[in-house]
C-alpha atoms as a PDB file:
ATOM      1  CA  UNK A   1     -14.242 -16.424 -11.645  1.00  0.00           C
ATOM      2  CA  UNK A   2     -16.497 -19.011 -13.401  1.00  0.00           C
ATOM      3  CA  UNK A   3     -14.365 -21.884 -12.137  1.00  0.00           C
ATOM      4  CA  UNK A   4     -14.627 -24.258 -14.915  1.00  0.00           C
ATOM      5  CA  UNK A   5     -13.465 -22.021 -17.225  1.00  0.00           C
ATOM      6  CA  UNK A   6     -10.051 -20.853 -14.228  1.00  0.00           C
ATOM      7  CA  UNK A   7      -6.240 -22.622 -13.267  1.00  0.00           C
ATOM      8  CA  UNK A   8      -3.341 -21.824 -10.588  1.00  0.00           C
ATOM      9  CA  UNK A   9      -0.290 -21.124 -12.408  1.00  0.00           C
ATOM     10  CA  UNK A  10       2.823 -21.249  -9.518  1.00  0.00           C
ATOM     11  CA  UNK A  11       5.672 -19.911 -10.751  1.00  0.00           C
ATOM     12  CA  UNK A  12       9.424 -20.640 -10.273  1.00  0.00           C
ATOM     13  CA  UNK A  13       9.009 -22.801  -7.022  1.00  0.00           C
ATOM     14  CA  UNK A  14      11.538 -25.266  -7.304  1.00  0.00           C
ATOM     15  CA  UNK A  15      14.073 -26.032  -4.937  1.00  0.00           C
ATOM     16  CA  UNK A  16      16.606 -23.346  -6.107  1.00  0.00           C
ATOM     17  CA  UNK A  17      13.835 -20.139  -4.914  1.00  0.00           C
ATOM     18  CA  UNK A  18      14.352 -23.005  -1.375  1.00  0.00           C
ATOM     19  CA  UNK A  19      17.858 -21.364  -1.529  1.00  0.00           C
ATOM     20  CA  UNK A  20      17.862 -18.579  -2.502  1.00  0.00           C
ATOM     21  CA  UNK A  21      17.742 -15.170  -0.177  1.00  0.00           C
ATOM     22  CA  UNK A  22      13.745 -14.730  -0.902  1.00  0.00           C
ATOM     23  CA  UNK A  23      12.081 -12.997   2.123  1.00  0.00           C
ATOM     24  CA  UNK A  24       9.885 -15.396   3.843  1.00  0.00           C
ATOM     25  CA  UNK A  25      10.551 -18.727   1.450  1.00  0.00           C
ATOM     26  CA  UNK A  26       8.737 -21.061   3.895  1.00  0.00           C
ATOM     27  CA  UNK A  27       5.969 -19.287   4.265  1.00  0.00           C
ATOM     28  CA  UNK A  28       5.622 -19.087   1.109  1.00  0.00           C
ATOM     29  CA  UNK A  29       5.315 -22.637   0.262  1.00  0.00           C
ATOM     30  CA  UNK A  30       3.780 -23.255   3.855  1.00  0.00           C
ATOM     31  CA  UNK A  31       0.385 -21.070   1.334  1.00  0.00           C
ATOM     32  CA  UNK A  32       0.906 -23.112  -1.968  1.00  0.00           C
ATOM     33  CA  UNK A  33       1.075 -26.391  -0.476  1.00  0.00           C
ATOM     34  CA  UNK A  34      -3.096 -25.075   1.026  1.00  0.00           C
ATOM     35  CA  UNK A  35      -4.125 -23.728  -2.029  1.00  0.00           C
ATOM     36  CA  UNK A  36      -2.524 -26.706  -3.909  1.00  0.00           C
ATOM     37  CA  UNK A  37      -4.408 -29.149  -1.829  1.00  0.00           C
ATOM     38  CA  UNK A  38      -7.997 -27.620  -2.608  1.00  0.00           C
ATOM     39  CA  UNK A  39      -7.391 -26.829  -5.700  1.00  0.00           C
ATOM     40  CA  UNK A  40      -6.979 -30.310  -6.312  1.00  0.00           C
ATOM     41  CA  UNK A  41     -10.279 -30.669  -4.544  1.00  0.00           C
ATOM     42  CA  UNK A  42     -11.852 -28.091  -6.655  1.00  0.00           C
ATOM     43  CA  UNK A  43     -11.528 -29.884  -9.912  1.00  0.00           C
ATOM     44  CA  UNK A  44      -8.603 -26.326 -10.941  1.00  0.00           C
ATOM     45  CA  UNK A  45      -6.152 -27.067 -12.580  1.00  0.00           C
ATOM     46  CA  UNK A  46      -2.344 -27.053 -11.752  1.00  0.00           C
ATOM     47  CA  UNK A  47      -0.064 -25.521 -13.895  1.00  0.00           C
ATOM     48  CA  UNK A  48       3.936 -24.951 -12.353  1.00  0.00           C
ATOM     49  CA  UNK A  49       5.887 -23.275 -14.908  1.00  0.00           C
ATOM     50  CA  UNK A  50      10.202 -23.776 -13.703  1.00  0.00           C
ATOM     51  CA  UNK A  51      12.740 -21.080 -14.578  1.00  0.00           C
ATOM     52  CA  UNK A  52      15.883 -23.094 -16.489  1.00  0.00           C
ATOM     53  CA  UNK A  53      19.048 -22.046 -18.410  1.00  0.00           C
ATOM     54  CA  UNK A  54      20.591 -24.340 -20.646  1.00  0.00           C
ATOM     55  CA  UNK A  55      23.697 -26.391 -18.881  1.00  0.00           C
ATOM     56  CA  UNK A  56      25.623 -25.545 -22.162  1.00  0.00           C
ATOM     57  CA  UNK A  57      24.749 -21.498 -22.087  1.00  0.00           C
ATOM     58  CA  UNK A  58      23.042 -21.968 -25.204  1.00  0.00           C
ATOM     59  CA  UNK A  59      19.727 -19.580 -25.520  1.00  0.00           C
ATOM     60  CA  UNK A  60      20.982 -18.036 -22.213  1.00  0.00           C
ATOM     61  CA  UNK A  61      19.799 -14.085 -21.545  1.00  0.00           C
ATOM     62  CA  UNK A  62      22.039 -11.181 -21.560  1.00  0.00           C
ATOM     63  CA  UNK A  63      24.718 -10.910 -19.686  1.00  0.00           C
ATOM     64  CA  UNK A  64      23.217 -13.380 -17.622  1.00  0.00           C
ATOM     65  CA  UNK A  65      25.608 -14.330 -14.813  1.00  0.00           C
ATOM     66  CA  UNK A  66      28.244 -18.257 -15.223  1.00  0.00           C
ATOM     67  CA  UNK A  67      30.390 -19.587 -13.614  1.00  0.00           C
ATOM     68  CA  UNK A  68      34.355 -20.237 -14.681  1.00  0.00           C
ATOM     69  CA  UNK A  69      32.903 -22.465 -17.170  1.00  0.00           C
ATOM     70  CA  UNK A  70      30.693 -20.452 -18.744  1.00  0.00           C
ATOM     71  CA  UNK A  71      27.283 -22.598 -16.838  1.00  0.00           C
ATOM     72  CA  UNK A  72      24.391 -20.301 -15.757  1.00  0.00           C
ATOM     73  CA  UNK A  73      25.210 -19.102 -12.140  1.00  0.00           C
ATOM     74  CA  UNK A  74      20.860 -20.284 -11.457  1.00  0.00           C
ATOM     75  CA  UNK A  75      18.678 -22.668 -12.409  1.00  0.00           C
ATOM     76  CA  UNK A  76      21.490 -24.555 -14.603  1.00  0.00           C
ATOM     77  CA  UNK A  77      19.305 -28.143 -16.446  1.00  0.00           C
ATOM     78  CA  UNK A  78      21.969 -29.909 -15.631  1.00  0.00           C
ATOM     79  CA  UNK A  79      21.442 -30.274 -10.967  1.00  0.00           C
ATOM     80  CA  UNK A  80      18.204 -30.941  -9.085  1.00  0.00           C
ATOM     81  CA  UNK A  81      17.766 -27.278  -8.378  1.00  0.00           C
ATOM     82  CA  UNK A  82      15.415 -26.667 -11.108  1.00  0.00           C
ATOM     83  CA  UNK A  83      12.650 -29.293  -9.996  1.00  0.00           C
ATOM     84  CA  UNK A  84       9.339 -28.067  -7.999  1.00  0.00           C
ATOM     85  CA  UNK A  85      10.542 -27.935  -4.143  1.00  0.00           C
ATOM     86  CA  UNK A  86       9.076 -31.319  -2.688  1.00  0.00           C
ATOM     87  CA  UNK A  87       6.386 -30.304  -0.181  1.00  0.00           C
ATOM     88  CA  UNK A  88       4.375 -28.983  -3.470  1.00  0.00           C
ATOM     89  CA  UNK A  89       5.714 -30.933  -6.175  1.00  0.00           C
ATOM     90  CA  UNK A  90       4.157 -31.740  -9.241  1.00  0.00           C
ATOM     91  CA  UNK A  91       1.527 -35.038  -9.868  1.00  0.00           C
ATOM     92  CA  UNK A  92       0.183 -36.702 -12.929  1.00  0.00           C
ATOM     93  CA  UNK A  93      -2.062 -34.587 -14.671  1.00  0.00           C
ATOM     94  CA  UNK A  94      -0.316 -31.358 -13.294  1.00  0.00           C
ATOM     95  CA  UNK A  95       1.084 -30.116 -16.051  1.00  0.00           C
ATOM     96  CA  UNK A  96       5.179 -28.461 -15.961  1.00  0.00           C
ATOM     97  CA  UNK A  97       5.973 -25.686 -18.351  1.00  0.00           C
ATOM     98  CA  UNK A  98       9.976 -24.670 -19.217  1.00  0.00           C
ATOM     99  CA  UNK A  99      10.312 -21.299 -19.139  1.00  0.00           C
ATOM    100  CA  UNK A 100      14.022 -18.945 -20.407  1.00  0.00           C
ATOM    101  CA  UNK A 101      13.134 -16.349 -19.373  1.00  0.00           C
ATOM    102  CA  UNK A 102      11.528 -14.179 -16.754  1.00  0.00           C
ATOM    103  CA  UNK A 103       7.649 -14.828 -18.039  1.00  0.00           C
ATOM    104  CA  UNK A 104       6.048 -17.309 -18.548  1.00  0.00           C
ATOM    105  CA  UNK A 105       4.665 -16.877 -22.097  1.00  0.00           C
ATOM    106  CA  UNK A 106       7.891 -16.070 -23.533  1.00  0.00           C
ATOM    107  CA  UNK A 107       7.770 -18.387 -25.857  1.00  0.00           C
ATOM    108  CA  UNK A 108       6.903 -21.522 -23.532  1.00  0.00           C
ATOM    109  CA  UNK A 109       3.847 -23.253 -23.655  1.00  0.00           C
ATOM    110  CA  UNK A 110       1.966 -22.204 -21.059  1.00  0.00           C
ATOM    111  CA  UNK A 111      -1.080 -20.078 -23.780  1.00  0.00           C
ATOM    112  CA  UNK A 112      -1.308 -23.367 -25.739  1.00  0.00           C
ATOM    113  CA  UNK A 113      -1.651 -25.377 -22.091  1.00  0.00           C
ATOM    114  CA  UNK A 114      -5.081 -22.837 -21.268  1.00  0.00           C
ATOM    115  CA  UNK A 115      -6.059 -22.413 -24.395  1.00  0.00           C
ATOM    116  CA  UNK A 116      -6.237 -26.399 -24.164  1.00  0.00           C
ATOM    117  CA  UNK A 117      -7.611 -26.079 -21.293  1.00  0.00           C
ATOM    118  CA  UNK A 118     -10.610 -22.948 -21.236  1.00  0.00           C
ATOM    119  CA  UNK A 119      -8.890 -21.283 -19.511  1.00  0.00           C
ATOM    120  CA  UNK A 120     -10.418 -16.832 -18.712  1.00  0.00           C
ATOM    121  CA  UNK A 121      -9.037 -16.972 -14.943  1.00  0.00           C
ATOM    122  CA  UNK A 122      -5.520 -17.202 -13.774  1.00  0.00           C
ATOM    123  CA  UNK A 123      -4.694 -16.749 -10.226  1.00  0.00           C
ATOM    124  CA  UNK A 124      -0.907 -16.583  -9.749  1.00  0.00           C
ATOM    125  CA  UNK A 125       1.797 -17.354  -6.961  1.00  0.00           C
ATOM    126  CA  UNK A 126       5.515 -17.477  -6.688  1.00  0.00           C
ATOM    127  CA  UNK A 127       8.892 -15.973  -6.890  1.00  0.00           C
ATOM    128  CA  UNK A 128       9.844 -13.448  -7.808  1.00  0.00           C
ATOM    129  CA  UNK A 129       7.651 -11.161  -7.311  1.00  0.00           C
ATOM    130  CA  UNK A 130       9.335  -7.927  -9.506  1.00  0.00           C
ATOM    131  CA  UNK A 131      11.155 -10.239 -11.741  1.00  0.00           C
ATOM    132  CA  UNK A 132       8.806 -13.803 -12.731  1.00  0.00           C
ATOM    133  CA  UNK A 133       5.470 -13.059 -10.914  1.00  0.00           C
ATOM    134  CA  UNK A 134       5.597  -9.400 -12.941  1.00  0.00           C
ATOM    135  CA  UNK A 135       6.675 -10.382 -15.864  1.00  0.00           C
ATOM    136  CA  UNK A 136       4.030 -13.183 -16.360  1.00  0.00           C
ATOM    137  CA  UNK A 137       1.337 -11.260 -14.761  1.00  0.00           C
ATOM    138  CA  UNK A 138       1.337  -8.418 -17.706  1.00  0.00           C
ATOM    139  CA  UNK A 139       2.142 -10.832 -19.987  1.00  0.00           C
ATOM    140  CA  UNK A 140      -1.120 -12.541 -19.323  1.00  0.00           C
ATOM    141  CA  UNK A 141      -2.876  -9.775 -18.981  1.00  0.00           C
ATOM    142  CA  UNK A 142      -1.719  -8.441 -23.030  1.00  0.00           C
ATOM    143  CA  UNK A 143      -3.105 -12.254 -23.439  1.00  0.00           C
ATOM    144  CA  UNK A 144      -6.884 -10.919 -22.026  1.00  0.00           C
ATOM    145  CA  UNK A 145      -6.181 -13.300 -19.272  1.00  0.00           C
ATOM    146  CA  UNK A 146      -8.341 -12.048 -16.828  1.00  0.00           C
ATOM    147  CA  UNK A 147      -6.021 -12.923 -13.321  1.00  0.00           C
ATOM    148  CA  UNK A 148      -6.678 -12.750  -9.416  1.00  0.00           C
ATOM    149  CA  UNK A 149      -2.779 -12.100  -7.736  1.00  0.00           C
ATOM    150  CA  UNK A 150      -2.774 -14.167  -4.615  1.00  0.00           C
ATOM    151  CA  UNK A 151       0.325 -11.533  -2.988  1.00  0.00           C
ATOM    152  CA  UNK A 152       1.791 -14.087   0.326  1.00  0.00           C
ATOM    153  CA  UNK A 153       1.722 -16.636  -2.723  1.00  0.00           C
ATOM    154  CA  UNK A 154       5.364 -14.264  -4.244  1.00  0.00           C
ATOM    155  CA  UNK A 155       8.215 -12.611  -2.498  1.00  0.00           C
ATOM    156  CA  UNK A 156      11.606 -11.607  -3.596  1.00  0.00           C
ATOM    157  CA  UNK A 157      15.454 -10.489  -2.423  1.00  0.00           C
ATOM    158  CA  UNK A 158      13.442  -7.599  -0.163  1.00  0.00           C
ATOM    159  CA  UNK A 159      10.882  -6.644   1.443  1.00  0.00           C
ATOM    160  CA  UNK A 160      10.722  -3.287   0.046  1.00  0.00           C
ATOM    161  CA  UNK A 161      10.473  -4.732  -3.600  1.00  0.00           C
ATOM    162  CA  UNK A 162       7.544  -7.508  -3.617  1.00  0.00           C
ATOM    163  CA  UNK A 163       5.727  -4.366  -2.410  1.00  0.00           C
ATOM    164  CA  UNK A 164       7.058  -1.813  -4.946  1.00  0.00           C
ATOM    165  CA  UNK A 165       6.088  -4.738  -7.911  1.00  0.00           C
ATOM    166  CA  UNK A 166       2.455  -6.116  -6.322  1.00  0.00           C
ATOM    167  CA  UNK A 167       1.444  -1.642  -6.674  1.00  0.00           C
ATOM    168  CA  UNK A 168       2.058  -1.741 -10.116  1.00  0.00           C
ATOM    169  CA  UNK A 169       0.143  -4.515 -11.083  1.00  0.00           C
ATOM    170  CA  UNK A 170      -2.681  -3.264  -8.168  1.00  0.00           C
ATOM    171  CA  UNK A 171      -1.940   0.176 -10.377  1.00  0.00           C
ATOM    172  CA  UNK A 172      -2.158  -1.730 -13.908  1.00  0.00           C
ATOM    173  CA  UNK A 173      -3.526  -4.718 -14.678  1.00  0.00           C
ATOM    174  CA  UNK A 174      -7.292  -3.067 -14.550  1.00  0.00           C
ATOM    175  CA  UNK A 175      -8.774  -6.199 -14.054  1.00  0.00           C
ATOM    176  CA  UNK A 176      -7.152  -7.658 -11.447  1.00  0.00           C
ATOM    177  CA  UNK A 177      -8.206  -8.919  -8.512  1.00  0.00           C
ATOM    178  CA  UNK A 178      -5.815  -9.132  -5.360  1.00  0.00           C
ATOM    179  CA  UNK A 179      -6.197 -12.165  -2.420  1.00  0.00           C
ATOM    180  CA  UNK A 180      -4.524 -12.631   0.552  1.00  0.00           C
ATOM    181  CA  UNK A 181      -4.260 -17.560   0.695  1.00  0.00           C
ATOM    182  CA  UNK A 182      -7.076 -17.625   3.414  1.00  0.00           C
ATOM    183  CA  UNK A 183      -8.980 -15.746   1.687  1.00  0.00           C
ATOM    184  CA  UNK A 184      -8.901 -17.105  -2.536  1.00  0.00           C
ATOM    185  CA  UNK A 185      -9.513 -20.167  -0.389  1.00  0.00           C
ATOM    186  CA  UNK A 186     -12.241 -19.251   1.273  1.00  0.00           C
ATOM    187  CA  UNK A 187     -13.422 -17.270  -2.462  1.00  0.00           C
ATOM    188  CA  UNK A 188     -13.334 -21.537  -3.841  1.00  0.00           C
ATOM    189  CA  UNK A 189     -15.059 -22.647  -1.164  1.00  0.00           C
ATOM    190  CA  UNK A 190     -17.909 -20.375  -1.567  1.00  0.00           C
ATOM    191  CA  UNK A 191     -17.389 -18.501   1.512  1.00  0.00           C
ATOM    192  CA  UNK A 192     -17.382 -15.464   2.185  1.00  0.00           C
ATOM    193  CA  UNK A 193     -14.144 -13.516   1.378  1.00  0.00           C
ATOM    194  CA  UNK A 194     -12.161 -10.027   1.500  1.00  0.00           C
ATOM    195  CA  UNK A 195     -10.596  -8.781  -2.172  1.00  0.00           C
ATOM    196  CA  UNK A 196      -8.963  -6.366  -3.600  1.00  0.00           C
ATOM    197  CA  UNK A 197     -10.079  -4.519  -7.448  1.00  0.00           C
ATOM    198  CA  UNK A 198      -9.483  -0.796  -8.286  1.00  0.00           C
ATOM    199  CA  UNK A 199     -11.310   1.673  -9.088  1.00  0.00           C
ATOM    200  CA  UNK A 200      -9.746   3.925 -11.165  1.00  0.00           C
ATOM    201  CA  UNK A 201      -5.568   3.102 -12.787  1.00  0.00           C
ATOM    202  CA  UNK A 202      -3.153   3.478 -10.419  1.00  0.00           C
ATOM    203  CA  UNK A 203      -5.051   4.203  -7.025  1.00  0.00           C
ATOM    204  CA  UNK A 204      -2.462   3.533  -5.085  1.00  0.00           C
ATOM    205  CA  UNK A 205       0.316   6.174  -5.745  1.00  0.00           C
ATOM    206  CA  UNK A 206       2.387   4.913  -4.123  1.00  0.00           C
ATOM    207  CA  UNK A 207       6.420   6.943  -2.363  1.00  0.00           C
ATOM    208  CA  UNK A 208       8.932   6.112  -0.332  1.00  0.00           C
ATOM    209  CA  UNK A 209       7.758   7.552   2.750  1.00  0.00           C
ATOM    210  CA  UNK A 210       4.443   5.503   2.361  1.00  0.00           C
ATOM    211  CA  UNK A 211       5.066   2.816  -0.120  1.00  0.00           C
ATOM    212  CA  UNK A 212       4.117   0.422   3.770  1.00  0.00           C
ATOM    213  CA  UNK A 213       0.648   1.802   4.210  1.00  0.00           C
ATOM    214  CA  UNK A 214      -0.485   2.015   0.155  1.00  0.00           C
ATOM    215  CA  UNK A 215       1.062  -1.731   0.227  1.00  0.00           C
ATOM    216  CA  UNK A 216      -1.720  -2.432   3.622  1.00  0.00           C
ATOM    217  CA  UNK A 217      -4.997  -1.043   1.505  1.00  0.00           C
ATOM    218  CA  UNK A 218      -4.470  -4.632  -0.251  1.00  0.00           C
ATOM    219  CA  UNK A 219      -5.110  -6.663   3.028  1.00  0.00           C
ATOM    220  CA  UNK A 220      -8.127  -4.409   4.417  1.00  0.00           C
ATOM    221  CA  UNK A 221     -11.713  -6.262   5.417  1.00  0.00           C
ATOM    222  CA  UNK A 222     -13.971  -5.311   4.457  1.00  0.00           C
ATOM    223  CA  UNK A 223     -16.749  -4.476   6.925  1.00  0.00           C
END
Protein backbone atom coordinates (compact mmCIF):
# COMPACT_ATOMS: atom_id res chain seq x y z
CA UNK A 1 0.00 0.00 0.00
CA UNK A 2 1.51 3.27 -1.19
CA UNK A 3 0.63 5.74 1.56
CA UNK A 4 0.80 8.68 -0.85
CA UNK A 5 -1.86 7.06 -3.01
CA UNK A 6 -4.18 5.92 -0.18
CA UNK A 7 -7.49 7.36 1.04
CA UNK A 8 -9.90 6.47 3.85
CA UNK A 9 -13.44 5.92 2.54
CA UNK A 10 -16.22 5.80 5.15
CA UNK A 11 -19.57 4.56 3.90
CA UNK A 12 -22.80 6.13 5.20
CA UNK A 13 -21.78 6.70 8.82
CA UNK A 14 -24.70 9.08 9.16
CA UNK A 15 -26.94 10.03 12.05
CA UNK A 16 -29.71 7.77 10.75
CA UNK A 17 -27.31 4.82 10.77
CA UNK A 18 -26.47 5.65 14.37
CA UNK A 19 -30.09 5.28 15.43
CA UNK A 20 -30.80 2.19 13.33
CA UNK A 21 -30.61 -1.51 14.15
CA UNK A 22 -26.97 -1.93 13.10
CA UNK A 23 -25.33 -4.43 15.44
CA UNK A 24 -22.41 -2.88 17.36
CA UNK A 25 -22.87 0.62 15.98
CA UNK A 26 -21.25 2.27 19.00
CA UNK A 27 -18.07 0.25 18.48
CA UNK A 28 -18.13 0.97 14.75
CA UNK A 29 -18.18 4.72 15.42
CA UNK A 30 -15.48 4.41 18.10
CA UNK A 31 -13.22 2.47 15.74
CA UNK A 32 -13.92 4.87 12.88
CA UNK A 33 -12.93 7.80 15.09
CA UNK A 34 -9.64 6.08 15.95
CA UNK A 35 -8.84 5.55 12.28
CA UNK A 36 -9.94 9.05 11.25
CA UNK A 37 -7.55 10.54 13.82
CA UNK A 38 -4.65 8.42 12.57
CA UNK A 39 -5.35 9.29 8.95
CA UNK A 40 -5.49 12.99 9.77
CA UNK A 41 -2.06 12.77 11.42
CA UNK A 42 -0.70 10.82 8.44
CA UNK A 43 -2.13 13.26 5.90
CA UNK A 44 -4.29 10.54 4.34
CA UNK A 45 -7.38 12.00 2.59
CA UNK A 46 -10.71 11.22 4.27
CA UNK A 47 -13.80 10.75 2.13
CA UNK A 48 -17.32 10.27 3.47
CA UNK A 49 -20.31 9.04 1.50
CA UNK A 50 -23.80 10.15 2.45
CA UNK A 51 -26.81 8.20 1.30
CA UNK A 52 -29.62 10.60 0.44
CA UNK A 53 -33.25 10.11 -0.53
CA UNK A 54 -34.84 13.26 -1.92
CA UNK A 55 -37.80 14.54 0.08
CA UNK A 56 -39.89 14.78 -3.11
CA UNK A 57 -39.10 11.11 -3.87
CA UNK A 58 -37.53 11.93 -7.23
CA UNK A 59 -34.88 9.39 -8.12
CA UNK A 60 -35.77 6.86 -5.44
CA UNK A 61 -34.85 3.25 -6.13
CA UNK A 62 -37.61 0.82 -7.09
CA UNK A 63 -39.89 0.06 -4.13
CA UNK A 64 -37.95 2.37 -1.81
CA UNK A 65 -40.10 2.62 1.35
CA UNK A 66 -42.13 5.82 1.62
CA UNK A 67 -44.56 7.18 4.20
CA UNK A 68 -48.22 8.07 3.78
CA UNK A 69 -47.20 11.37 2.16
CA UNK A 70 -45.03 9.64 -0.42
CA UNK A 71 -41.83 10.83 1.20
CA UNK A 72 -38.85 8.52 1.81
CA UNK A 73 -38.66 6.87 5.20
CA UNK A 74 -34.90 6.47 5.21
CA UNK A 75 -32.18 9.12 4.71
CA UNK A 76 -34.78 11.82 4.09
CA UNK A 77 -33.02 14.87 2.61
CA UNK A 78 -35.21 17.24 4.63
CA UNK A 79 -33.87 15.99 7.97
CA UNK A 80 -30.53 16.03 9.75
CA UNK A 81 -30.42 12.20 9.66
CA UNK A 82 -28.39 12.48 6.45
CA UNK A 83 -25.53 14.26 8.25
CA UNK A 84 -22.35 12.47 9.30
CA UNK A 85 -22.31 11.32 12.94
CA UNK A 86 -20.94 14.11 15.17
CA UNK A 87 -18.10 12.04 16.65
CA UNK A 88 -16.49 11.69 13.23
CA UNK A 89 -17.88 14.73 11.45
CA UNK A 90 -15.91 15.96 8.45
CA UNK A 91 -13.43 18.79 8.68
CA UNK A 92 -12.80 21.54 6.15
CA UNK A 93 -10.43 19.61 3.89
CA UNK A 94 -12.37 16.33 3.92
CA UNK A 95 -14.53 15.26 0.99
CA UNK A 96 -18.23 14.40 1.17
CA UNK A 97 -19.77 12.44 -1.70
CA UNK A 98 -23.56 12.26 -1.86
CA UNK A 99 -25.08 9.14 -3.41
CA UNK A 100 -28.56 7.91 -4.24
CA UNK A 101 -27.94 4.18 -4.66
CA UNK A 102 -26.10 1.52 -2.66
CA UNK A 103 -22.72 1.91 -4.35
CA UNK A 104 -20.70 5.00 -3.58
CA UNK A 105 -19.58 5.02 -7.22
CA UNK A 106 -22.98 4.85 -8.94
CA UNK A 107 -23.63 8.18 -10.71
CA UNK A 108 -21.69 10.09 -8.03
CA UNK A 109 -18.50 12.15 -8.01
CA UNK A 110 -16.51 9.56 -6.03
CA UNK A 111 -14.41 8.20 -8.90
CA UNK A 112 -13.65 11.75 -10.07
CA UNK A 113 -12.53 12.79 -6.58
CA UNK A 114 -10.29 9.73 -6.21
CA UNK A 115 -8.68 10.25 -9.59
CA UNK A 116 -8.10 13.90 -8.75
CA UNK A 117 -6.25 12.79 -5.62
CA UNK A 118 -4.33 10.11 -7.59
CA UNK A 119 -5.64 7.41 -5.25
CA UNK A 120 -4.91 3.74 -5.93
CA UNK A 121 -5.61 2.20 -2.50
CA UNK A 122 -8.77 2.54 -0.42
CA UNK A 123 -9.22 1.85 3.28
CA UNK A 124 -12.95 1.14 3.58
CA UNK A 125 -15.38 0.83 6.48
CA UNK A 126 -19.02 1.67 7.06
CA UNK A 127 -22.58 0.41 6.86
CA UNK A 128 -24.34 -1.70 5.83
CA UNK A 129 -21.82 -4.47 5.22
CA UNK A 130 -24.20 -6.54 3.09
CA UNK A 131 -25.54 -3.55 1.19
CA UNK A 132 -23.69 -0.28 0.57
CA UNK A 133 -20.27 -1.51 1.70
CA UNK A 134 -20.50 -4.64 -0.44
CA UNK A 135 -21.69 -2.69 -3.49
CA UNK A 136 -18.99 -0.02 -3.09
CA UNK A 137 -16.17 -2.53 -2.60
CA UNK A 138 -17.20 -4.45 -5.72
CA UNK A 139 -17.43 -1.25 -7.76
CA UNK A 140 -14.00 -0.16 -6.47
CA UNK A 141 -12.58 -3.52 -7.56
CA UNK A 142 -14.16 -3.16 -11.01
CA UNK A 143 -12.34 0.19 -11.31
CA UNK A 144 -8.98 -1.32 -10.28
CA UNK A 145 -8.71 0.28 -6.85
CA UNK A 146 -7.03 -1.96 -4.28
CA UNK A 147 -9.32 -2.27 -1.23
CA UNK A 148 -8.31 -2.64 2.42
CA UNK A 149 -11.46 -3.59 4.31
CA UNK A 150 -11.60 -2.73 8.02
CA UNK A 151 -14.15 -5.27 9.17
CA UNK A 152 -14.78 -3.89 12.67
CA UNK A 153 -15.73 -0.53 11.14
CA UNK A 154 -18.42 -2.38 9.19
CA UNK A 155 -21.77 -3.65 10.37
CA UNK A 156 -25.33 -4.48 9.43
CA UNK A 157 -28.58 -5.59 11.05
CA UNK A 158 -27.43 -9.13 11.89
CA UNK A 159 -24.05 -10.62 12.74
CA UNK A 160 -24.61 -13.45 10.27
CA UNK A 161 -25.23 -11.08 7.36
CA UNK A 162 -22.13 -9.07 8.29
CA UNK A 163 -19.98 -12.20 8.38
CA UNK A 164 -21.40 -13.61 5.14
CA UNK A 165 -20.93 -10.34 3.22
CA UNK A 166 -17.38 -9.97 4.51
CA UNK A 167 -16.54 -13.52 3.46
CA UNK A 168 -18.06 -13.00 0.01
CA UNK A 169 -15.79 -9.99 -0.49
CA UNK A 170 -12.80 -11.94 0.81
CA UNK A 171 -13.54 -14.82 -1.56
CA UNK A 172 -14.01 -12.86 -4.78
CA UNK A 173 -12.15 -9.54 -4.54
CA UNK A 174 -8.82 -11.15 -5.28
CA UNK A 175 -6.53 -8.36 -4.05
CA UNK A 176 -8.62 -7.51 -0.98
CA UNK A 177 -6.83 -7.13 2.34
CA UNK A 178 -8.85 -7.48 5.55
CA UNK A 179 -7.89 -5.75 8.80
CA UNK A 180 -9.25 -4.90 12.22
CA UNK A 181 -8.85 -1.30 13.36
CA UNK A 182 -5.92 -1.99 15.68
CA UNK A 183 -4.06 -3.79 12.90
CA UNK A 184 -4.59 -1.20 10.16
CA UNK A 185 -3.48 1.39 12.74
CA UNK A 186 -0.23 -0.52 13.18
CA UNK A 187 0.16 -0.75 9.41
CA UNK A 188 -0.27 2.99 9.01
CA UNK A 189 2.23 3.62 11.81
CA UNK A 190 4.80 1.32 10.23
CA UNK A 191 4.54 -1.35 12.92
CA UNK A 192 4.29 -5.14 12.69
CA UNK A 193 0.68 -6.08 12.02
CA UNK A 194 -1.71 -8.83 10.95
CA UNK A 195 -3.58 -8.70 7.67
CA UNK A 196 -5.63 -11.36 5.92
CA UNK A 197 -5.04 -11.85 2.19
CA UNK A 198 -6.42 -14.53 -0.12
CA UNK A 199 -4.12 -17.12 -1.63
CA UNK A 200 -6.78 -18.55 -3.97
CA UNK A 201 -10.32 -17.78 -5.17
CA UNK A 202 -13.18 -18.92 -2.93
CA UNK A 203 -10.67 -19.74 -0.21
CA UNK A 204 -13.08 -19.23 2.69
CA UNK A 205 -15.94 -21.47 1.66
CA UNK A 206 -18.62 -21.35 4.32
CA UNK A 207 -21.98 -22.83 5.17
CA UNK A 208 -24.62 -21.90 7.77
CA UNK A 209 -23.02 -24.44 10.11
CA UNK A 210 -19.41 -23.22 9.93
CA UNK A 211 -19.89 -19.49 9.27
CA UNK A 212 -18.44 -18.29 12.59
CA UNK A 213 -15.50 -20.69 12.38
CA UNK A 214 -14.56 -19.61 8.86
CA UNK A 215 -15.04 -15.92 9.66
CA UNK A 216 -12.64 -16.22 12.62
CA UNK A 217 -9.84 -17.06 10.17
CA UNK A 218 -9.83 -13.44 9.06
CA UNK A 219 -8.55 -12.37 12.49
CA UNK A 220 -6.08 -15.09 13.40
CA UNK A 221 -2.86 -13.46 14.51
CA UNK A 222 0.36 -14.47 12.79
CA UNK A 223 2.78 -16.28 15.05
